[in-house]
Structures are given as structure tokens and as C-alpha cells.
Amino acid sequence: MSSDLNRRSALKNIIAGTAAIGVSSSFSALAMDKKESKPISTKLKGNINHSVCRWCFSSFDVETLCAEAKKIGLKGIDLVGPKDWPILKKHGLESTMCNGAEINLVDGFNDKKFHETLIKNYAAMIPLVAEAGYKNLICFSGNRRGKDDETGWANCVEGLKQLIPLAEKHNVILVMELLNSKINHKDYQCDNTSWGVELCKRLGSENFKLLYDIYHMQIDEGNVISTIKNNHQYIAHYHTAGVPGRNEIDDSQELYYPAIMKAIAETGFKGFVAQEFIPKNEDKFASLKKAISICDI
């Protein structure tokens, strides 16, 4: 099964649940002590606020994921809705990218026929996000279905402008994810940074920004570091994964994450960077610690 299908399946389950409401030395330091059940503790540097996407670890319940994330030193969990927020709070973690208001990844704001449902869903969810003390709420452009750029922008503006005042009132940021349309999300409209930035400019609100998914944008446009530096003011959140294949972050893939993280930190970014790779290691949390060690500059 492809990673795209994995994500869609996992997100479908999560949304359904929420609708009701030196590198090598670092690897050694983070290794599991085989003689102990408890992992060696991690001391993060604090330059990057780390989180992890829920769907990548969907084989574990939220309680287990939170407990392990806390041991590693993560600040929160991405793509978690209201049903599981109490568990995150119990562990002192944030819902760093809330979800549950979207219909799915393909039916989004670029199509007027979905506006009524989306506006109803987001109008209900925005106050819940704020009440819980969270800030980011994910949204999607949806697929083109033959629409040109101008039509997509105009339709997104028409729908989102009905929600921006509510988002501003509650200090919640609607965050549209950039997804690649070459491999994983065929026909998705917001598939490059310039398209998303133009939408940000047309909406003209600090309460609408982009989720810059490094994996997706490496596939669709590349030039990751320069793009981040030139457009950081429009980016509210980052996702990571190895390219190709949404693999674990290591020296077998084409992105050098320490340099990317350094570029992000140098922009003054204070938001969250979430790991969104598919763990291959039998010990999935060892894979997560390894990725964090590489990205913690």
C-alpha cells in the first residue's frame, strides 16, 4: 500500500473520531539500552519545537504515542482532534496542528459546492481550538477538477473570507497544507509555494498561512532552503519526511535536514516542525528519536 493511501486511511479514521467533537554521535546517544525497558533520555537544544504526526504512528493508541513523545522531548502531536485533546493535555503536550473540520484532502475551499459544509465545520471548530488553548487548524485547497489557478484562488478567497473574521477573533490560524501533485495527491491545487503565497496575499490576514511540507515540496518544486527563506512570513508550520518515499530521515535520501532546520531557525520561526515519515524500523519510536536527533540543530 502506498504512503498516500496510508495517510488517507489514517486521516479518515482520525477525522471520524474527531467529528463528534554531530549526527552519528547523536544516534549512539539516543540508542535504546537493550538491558533496560526505559529509553535513554533525550536533551533537546530548544531551537526547534518538535512534534510528530499522529497518523504515522496509528498502530499505537494516543496514550502510548503521547507517553513516548514526552520521553523524547516533543512539544506536541499533529493532526489530532477534540476527542483526543484531553489525553494530550494529560501528558503536557499540545495539539500542534488540529484537524477534524475538513471534509477530506480532495474536497476543499477551491470548489464552491463544498463551501456550505466547510464553513459550518470550521465555524464550529475554530472556537473549540481556541478554548483548548491551541492555535493551528488545518485546511485544504482540494483538487483542481479542471479549475484554472484564478478560479481556484477566487473560490478559496470567497469561502475562507467568511471564516477569517472568526479566526481573527479567536486567534486561530487556518493553515492550508502544500501537497505534491506528482506522486501522492494527483490533481491537488495548492501544490506549490507560489500558489499558496498568492492565496495568502489575497486574503491579507495573519490568521491564514501555509503548512510547508518539506517532503511534498521537494517533490513538486525543490529549492527548499531558498523557498523557506523567501516565504517564511507565510508559513505557520512544517512537516518533514525523507525523499524519496516518505522514508525515515537518514543519509539514504536526498534532503539534508540539518541545513534545512538551520534555515528555518534563522528565519526566527517559533512554530512547530512535525515529523511525518513512515517508520520502517521495528522499533518505531527509535526511528522517531533518530529523526529528531538529526533535525534538532
Protein backbone atom coordinates (compact mmCIF):
# COMPACT_ATOMS: atom_id res chain seq x y z
CA MET A 1 0.00 0.00 0.00
CA SER A 2 1.36 3.42 -0.89
CA SER A 3 2.15 6.07 1.72
CA ASP A 4 -0.61 8.22 0.19
CA LEU A 5 -3.19 5.52 0.84
CA ASN A 6 -1.77 5.02 4.33
CA ARG A 7 -2.21 8.68 5.11
CA ARG A 8 -5.69 8.91 3.63
CA SER A 9 -6.80 5.82 5.53
CA ALA A 10 -5.28 7.01 8.79
CA LEU A 11 -6.68 10.53 8.43
CA LYS A 12 -10.10 9.11 7.63
CA ASN A 13 -10.06 7.20 10.90
CA ILE A 14 -8.80 10.20 12.86
CA ILE A 15 -11.37 12.58 11.31
CA ALA A 16 -14.13 10.09 12.05
CA GLY A 17 -13.07 10.05 15.66
CA THR A 18 -12.91 13.82 15.96
CA ALA A 19 -16.12 14.65 14.14
CA ALA A 20 -18.07 14.03 17.31
CA ILE A 21 -16.47 16.96 18.82
CA GLY A 22 27.33 15.58 15.05
CA VAL A 23 24.71 13.30 13.78
CA SER A 24 26.42 9.87 14.13
CA SER A 25 27.27 10.51 17.77
CA SER A 26 23.73 11.67 18.37
CA PHE A 27 22.49 8.32 17.06
CA SER A 28 24.61 6.49 19.65
CA ALA A 29 23.43 8.76 22.44
CA LEU A 30 19.80 8.11 21.53
CA ALA A 31 20.08 4.35 21.17
CA MET A 32 17.85 2.12 23.28
CA ASP A 33 19.58 0.42 26.19
CA LYS A 34 18.83 -3.23 25.48
CA LYS A 35 19.10 -4.11 29.17
CA GLU A 36 16.50 -1.59 30.24
CA SER A 37 12.88 -1.12 29.25
CA LYS A 38 13.23 2.61 29.61
CA PRO A 39 14.88 4.56 26.76
CA ILE A 40 17.87 6.79 27.41
CA SER A 41 16.59 10.35 27.99
CA THR A 42 16.95 12.99 25.32
CA LYS A 43 18.03 16.57 25.90
CA LEU A 44 16.89 18.77 23.01
CA LYS A 45 18.52 22.10 22.22
CA GLY A 46 15.37 24.22 22.11
CA ASN A 47 16.00 25.89 18.76
CA ILE A 48 13.25 23.86 17.08
CA ASN A 49 9.85 22.99 18.58
CA HIS A 50 9.41 19.34 17.62
CA SER A 51 6.18 17.40 17.15
CA VAL A 52 5.04 14.30 15.29
CA CYS A 53 2.08 13.44 13.07
CA ARG A 54 -0.45 11.14 14.67
CA TRP A 55 -1.26 9.15 11.52
CA CYS A 56 2.33 7.92 11.07
CA PHE A 57 2.05 6.09 14.40
CA SER A 58 -1.59 4.99 14.07
CA SER A 59 -0.68 1.44 15.13
CA PHE A 60 -0.31 2.86 18.66
CA ASP A 61 -3.07 4.34 20.74
CA VAL A 62 -2.87 8.05 21.51
CA GLU A 63 -1.94 7.41 25.15
CA THR A 64 1.12 5.38 24.13
CA LEU A 65 2.17 7.88 21.47
CA CYS A 66 1.92 10.76 23.94
CA ALA A 67 3.94 8.93 26.58
CA GLU A 68 6.72 8.13 24.11
CA ALA A 69 6.68 11.62 22.59
CA LYS A 70 7.06 13.12 26.04
CA LYS A 71 10.09 10.90 26.78
CA ILE A 72 11.77 12.09 23.58
CA GLY A 73 11.13 15.73 24.43
CA LEU A 74 8.49 16.57 21.82
CA LYS A 75 6.17 19.53 22.39
CA GLY A 76 3.06 18.10 20.76
CA ILE A 77 1.21 15.86 18.31
CA ASP A 78 -0.06 16.89 14.86
CA LEU A 79 -3.40 16.00 13.31
CA VAL A 80 -5.31 15.29 16.49
CA GLY A 81 -8.89 16.43 17.01
CA PRO A 82 -11.03 17.26 20.05
CA LYS A 83 -11.71 13.68 21.13
CA ASP A 84 -8.05 13.13 21.99
CA TRP A 85 -7.10 16.58 23.27
CA PRO A 86 -7.66 15.57 26.93
CA ILE A 87 -5.06 12.81 26.54
CA LEU A 88 -2.53 15.28 25.13
CA LYS A 89 -3.21 17.69 27.98
CA LYS A 90 -2.72 14.90 30.49
CA HIS A 91 0.81 14.44 29.13
CA GLY A 92 1.55 18.16 28.87
CA LEU A 93 1.52 18.12 25.07
CA GLU A 94 -0.12 20.45 22.55
CA SER A 95 -2.30 19.64 19.59
CA THR A 96 0.20 21.38 17.33
CA MET A 97 -1.93 21.09 14.18
CA CYS A 98 -5.59 20.49 14.92
CA ASN A 99 -7.86 18.69 12.48
CA GLY A 100 -11.41 17.47 12.22
CA ALA A 101 -13.14 20.34 10.38
CA GLU A 102 -12.01 19.34 6.87
CA ILE A 103 -14.12 17.08 4.66
CA ASN A 104 -11.07 15.31 3.26
CA LEU A 105 -7.96 16.21 1.25
CA VAL A 106 -9.68 16.45 -2.15
CA ASP A 107 -12.91 18.35 -1.40
CA GLY A 108 -11.72 21.77 -0.32
CA PHE A 109 -12.20 25.51 -0.46
CA ASN A 110 -11.42 25.79 -4.17
CA ASP A 111 -14.87 24.42 -5.02
CA LYS A 112 -17.97 26.39 -4.08
CA LYS A 113 -20.11 23.28 -3.77
CA PHE A 114 -18.21 22.37 -0.60
CA HIS A 115 -18.36 25.83 0.99
CA GLU A 116 -21.56 25.34 2.97
CA THR A 117 -20.25 22.21 4.69
CA LEU A 118 -16.75 23.58 5.21
CA ILE A 119 -17.94 26.89 6.64
CA LYS A 120 -20.27 25.08 9.03
CA ASN A 121 -17.50 22.68 10.13
CA TYR A 122 -14.83 25.35 10.59
CA ALA A 123 -17.17 27.81 12.29
CA ALA A 124 -17.86 25.13 14.90
CA MET A 125 -14.23 24.01 15.24
CA ILE A 126 -12.45 27.37 15.48
CA PRO A 127 -13.89 28.25 18.93
CA LEU A 128 -13.09 24.73 20.18
CA VAL A 129 -9.46 25.08 19.11
CA ALA A 130 -9.22 28.42 20.89
CA GLU A 131 -10.97 27.19 24.02
CA ALA A 132 -8.48 24.33 24.26
CA GLY A 133 -5.61 26.82 24.06
CA TYR A 134 -4.41 25.74 20.62
CA LYS A 135 -3.68 27.80 17.55
CA ASN A 136 -3.36 25.91 14.26
CA LEU A 137 -6.26 24.34 12.33
CA ILE A 138 -5.52 22.56 9.06
CA CYS A 139 -7.38 23.12 5.80
CA PHE A 140 -7.00 22.09 2.16
CA SER A 141 -7.49 23.62 -1.27
CA GLY A 142 -8.96 20.43 -2.69
CA ASN A 143 -8.39 19.01 -6.15
CA ARG A 144 -8.48 21.12 -9.31
CA ARG A 145 -11.08 19.11 -11.20
CA GLY A 146 -10.34 21.24 -14.25
CA LYS A 147 -10.26 24.61 -12.47
CA ASP A 148 -7.52 27.04 -13.50
CA ASP A 149 -5.45 28.89 -10.93
CA GLU A 150 -7.56 32.04 -10.99
CA THR A 151 -10.79 30.15 -10.37
CA GLY A 152 -9.17 28.20 -7.56
CA TRP A 153 -7.87 31.34 -5.87
CA ALA A 154 -11.20 33.17 -6.26
CA ASN A 155 -13.21 30.27 -4.82
CA CYS A 156 -10.81 29.82 -1.90
CA VAL A 157 -10.96 33.53 -1.10
CA GLU A 158 -14.76 33.54 -1.24
CA GLY A 159 -15.02 30.65 1.20
CA LEU A 160 -12.19 31.48 3.56
CA LYS A 161 -13.13 35.15 3.88
CA GLN A 162 -16.32 34.01 5.59
CA LEU A 163 -14.17 32.36 8.29
CA ILE A 164 -11.24 34.74 8.67
CA PRO A 165 -13.06 37.19 10.99
CA LEU A 166 -13.94 34.31 13.33
CA ALA A 167 -10.37 33.02 13.21
CA GLU A 168 -9.05 36.51 13.98
CA LYS A 169 -11.50 36.88 16.87
CA HIS A 170 -10.28 33.61 18.43
CA ASN A 171 -6.62 33.98 17.44
CA VAL A 172 -6.70 30.76 15.45
CA ILE A 173 -4.67 30.30 12.26
CA LEU A 174 -6.24 28.46 9.33
CA VAL A 175 -3.30 26.61 7.80
CA MET A 176 -3.51 25.28 4.23
CA GLU A 177 -1.20 22.38 3.51
CA LEU A 178 1.01 22.30 0.43
CA LEU A 179 0.84 18.78 -1.07
CA ASN A 180 2.64 17.37 -4.09
CA SER A 181 0.50 16.54 -7.13
CA LYS A 182 3.16 14.49 -8.92
CA ILE A 183 3.12 11.34 -6.80
CA ASN A 184 0.84 11.33 -3.76
CA HIS A 185 -2.02 13.74 -4.37
CA LYS A 186 -2.75 13.86 -8.07
CA ASP A 187 -4.70 16.98 -9.13
CA TYR A 188 -4.35 18.79 -5.77
CA GLN A 189 -4.41 22.52 -6.49
CA CYS A 190 -2.26 24.04 -3.73
CA ASP A 191 0.73 22.02 -4.90
CA ASN A 192 3.42 24.71 -4.88
CA THR A 193 4.54 27.51 -2.61
CA SER A 194 3.81 30.33 -5.04
CA TRP A 195 0.16 29.25 -5.37
CA GLY A 196 -0.24 29.21 -1.60
CA VAL A 197 1.58 32.51 -1.12
CA GLU A 198 -0.68 34.20 -3.67
CA LEU A 199 -3.71 32.99 -1.72
CA CYS A 200 -2.19 34.35 1.49
CA LYS A 201 -1.69 37.73 -0.18
CA ARG A 202 -5.25 37.85 -1.47
CA LEU A 203 -6.69 37.03 1.95
CA GLY A 204 -4.39 39.54 3.66
CA SER A 205 -4.71 38.10 7.16
CA GLU A 206 -2.14 36.82 9.65
CA ASN A 207 -4.75 34.19 10.51
CA PHE A 208 -4.31 32.36 7.24
CA LYS A 209 -0.95 30.77 6.48
CA LEU A 210 0.65 27.71 4.92
CA LEU A 211 1.83 24.33 6.11
CA TYR A 212 5.09 23.90 4.24
CA ASP A 213 5.52 20.14 3.89
CA ILE A 214 9.19 19.68 3.05
CA TYR A 215 8.65 16.19 1.64
CA HIS A 216 5.87 17.33 -0.69
CA MET A 217 7.60 20.49 -1.85
CA GLN A 218 10.89 18.73 -2.57
CA ILE A 219 8.93 16.52 -4.97
CA ASP A 220 6.97 19.29 -6.69
CA GLU A 221 9.42 22.20 -6.74
CA GLY A 222 12.67 21.57 -4.89
CA ASN A 223 14.87 24.55 -3.91
CA VAL A 224 13.66 24.05 -0.34
CA ILE A 225 16.02 26.30 1.63
CA SER A 226 15.70 29.32 -0.66
CA THR A 227 11.93 28.91 -0.78
CA ILE A 228 11.72 28.86 3.01
CA LYS A 229 13.93 31.91 3.37
CA ASN A 230 11.97 33.88 0.75
CA ASN A 231 8.49 32.96 2.00
CA HIS A 232 8.84 32.27 5.71
CA GLN A 233 6.39 35.02 6.64
CA TYR A 234 3.59 33.00 5.05
CA ILE A 235 4.49 29.71 6.75
CA ALA A 236 2.91 28.68 10.05
CA HIS A 237 4.07 25.08 10.29
CA TYR A 238 6.43 22.49 8.78
CA HIS A 239 6.27 18.75 8.08
CA THR A 240 9.28 16.53 7.39
CA ALA A 241 9.99 13.17 5.77
CA GLY A 242 12.69 11.55 3.69
CA VAL A 243 12.61 11.87 -0.09
CA PRO A 244 12.02 9.66 -1.99
CA GLY A 245 9.28 7.52 -0.49
CA ARG A 246 8.37 9.41 2.71
CA ASN A 247 11.09 7.34 4.34
CA GLU A 248 12.86 7.78 7.64
CA ILE A 249 15.24 10.73 7.83
CA ASP A 250 18.79 9.44 7.39
CA ASP A 251 21.71 9.63 4.97
CA SER A 252 19.98 7.46 2.34
CA GLN A 253 17.71 10.19 1.00
CA GLU A 254 18.19 13.40 -0.95
CA LEU A 255 17.46 16.09 1.65
CA TYR A 256 19.98 17.26 4.23
CA TYR A 257 17.74 18.10 7.15
CA PRO A 258 20.29 19.77 9.47
CA ALA A 259 20.76 22.55 6.88
CA ILE A 260 17.01 22.86 6.35
CA MET A 261 16.36 23.11 10.09
CA LYS A 262 19.12 25.70 10.40
CA ALA A 263 17.47 27.77 7.66
CA ILE A 264 14.10 27.53 9.43
CA ALA A 265 15.58 28.59 12.76
CA GLU A 266 17.40 31.52 11.14
CA THR A 267 14.07 32.97 9.94
CA GLY A 268 13.07 33.37 13.59
CA PHE A 269 10.38 30.71 13.31
CA LYS A 270 8.79 29.88 16.67
CA GLY A 271 6.15 27.42 15.50
CA PHE A 272 6.37 23.65 15.20
CA VAL A 273 8.17 21.18 12.95
CA ALA A 274 6.40 17.82 12.83
CA GLN A 275 7.89 14.52 11.70
CA GLU A 276 5.66 12.87 9.08
CA PHE A 277 7.66 9.88 7.85
CA ILE A 278 6.71 6.20 7.67
CA PRO A 279 8.74 4.32 10.30
CA LYS A 280 10.42 1.23 8.84
CA ASN A 281 12.32 0.14 11.94
CA GLU A 282 10.61 -2.49 14.06
CA ASP A 283 11.19 -0.10 16.96
CA LYS A 284 9.17 2.81 15.56
CA PHE A 285 10.00 5.13 18.43
CA ALA A 286 13.72 4.53 17.96
CA SER A 287 13.19 5.75 14.37
CA LEU A 288 11.42 8.84 15.70
CA LYS A 289 14.25 9.61 18.13
CA LYS A 290 16.79 9.24 15.35
CA ALA A 291 14.87 11.68 13.13
CA ILE A 292 14.57 14.18 15.98
CA SER A 293 18.30 13.91 16.69
CA ILE A 294 19.06 14.82 13.07
CA CYS A 295 16.59 17.73 13.00
CA ASP A 296 17.48 19.17 16.41
CA ILE A 297 20.06 21.76 15.39
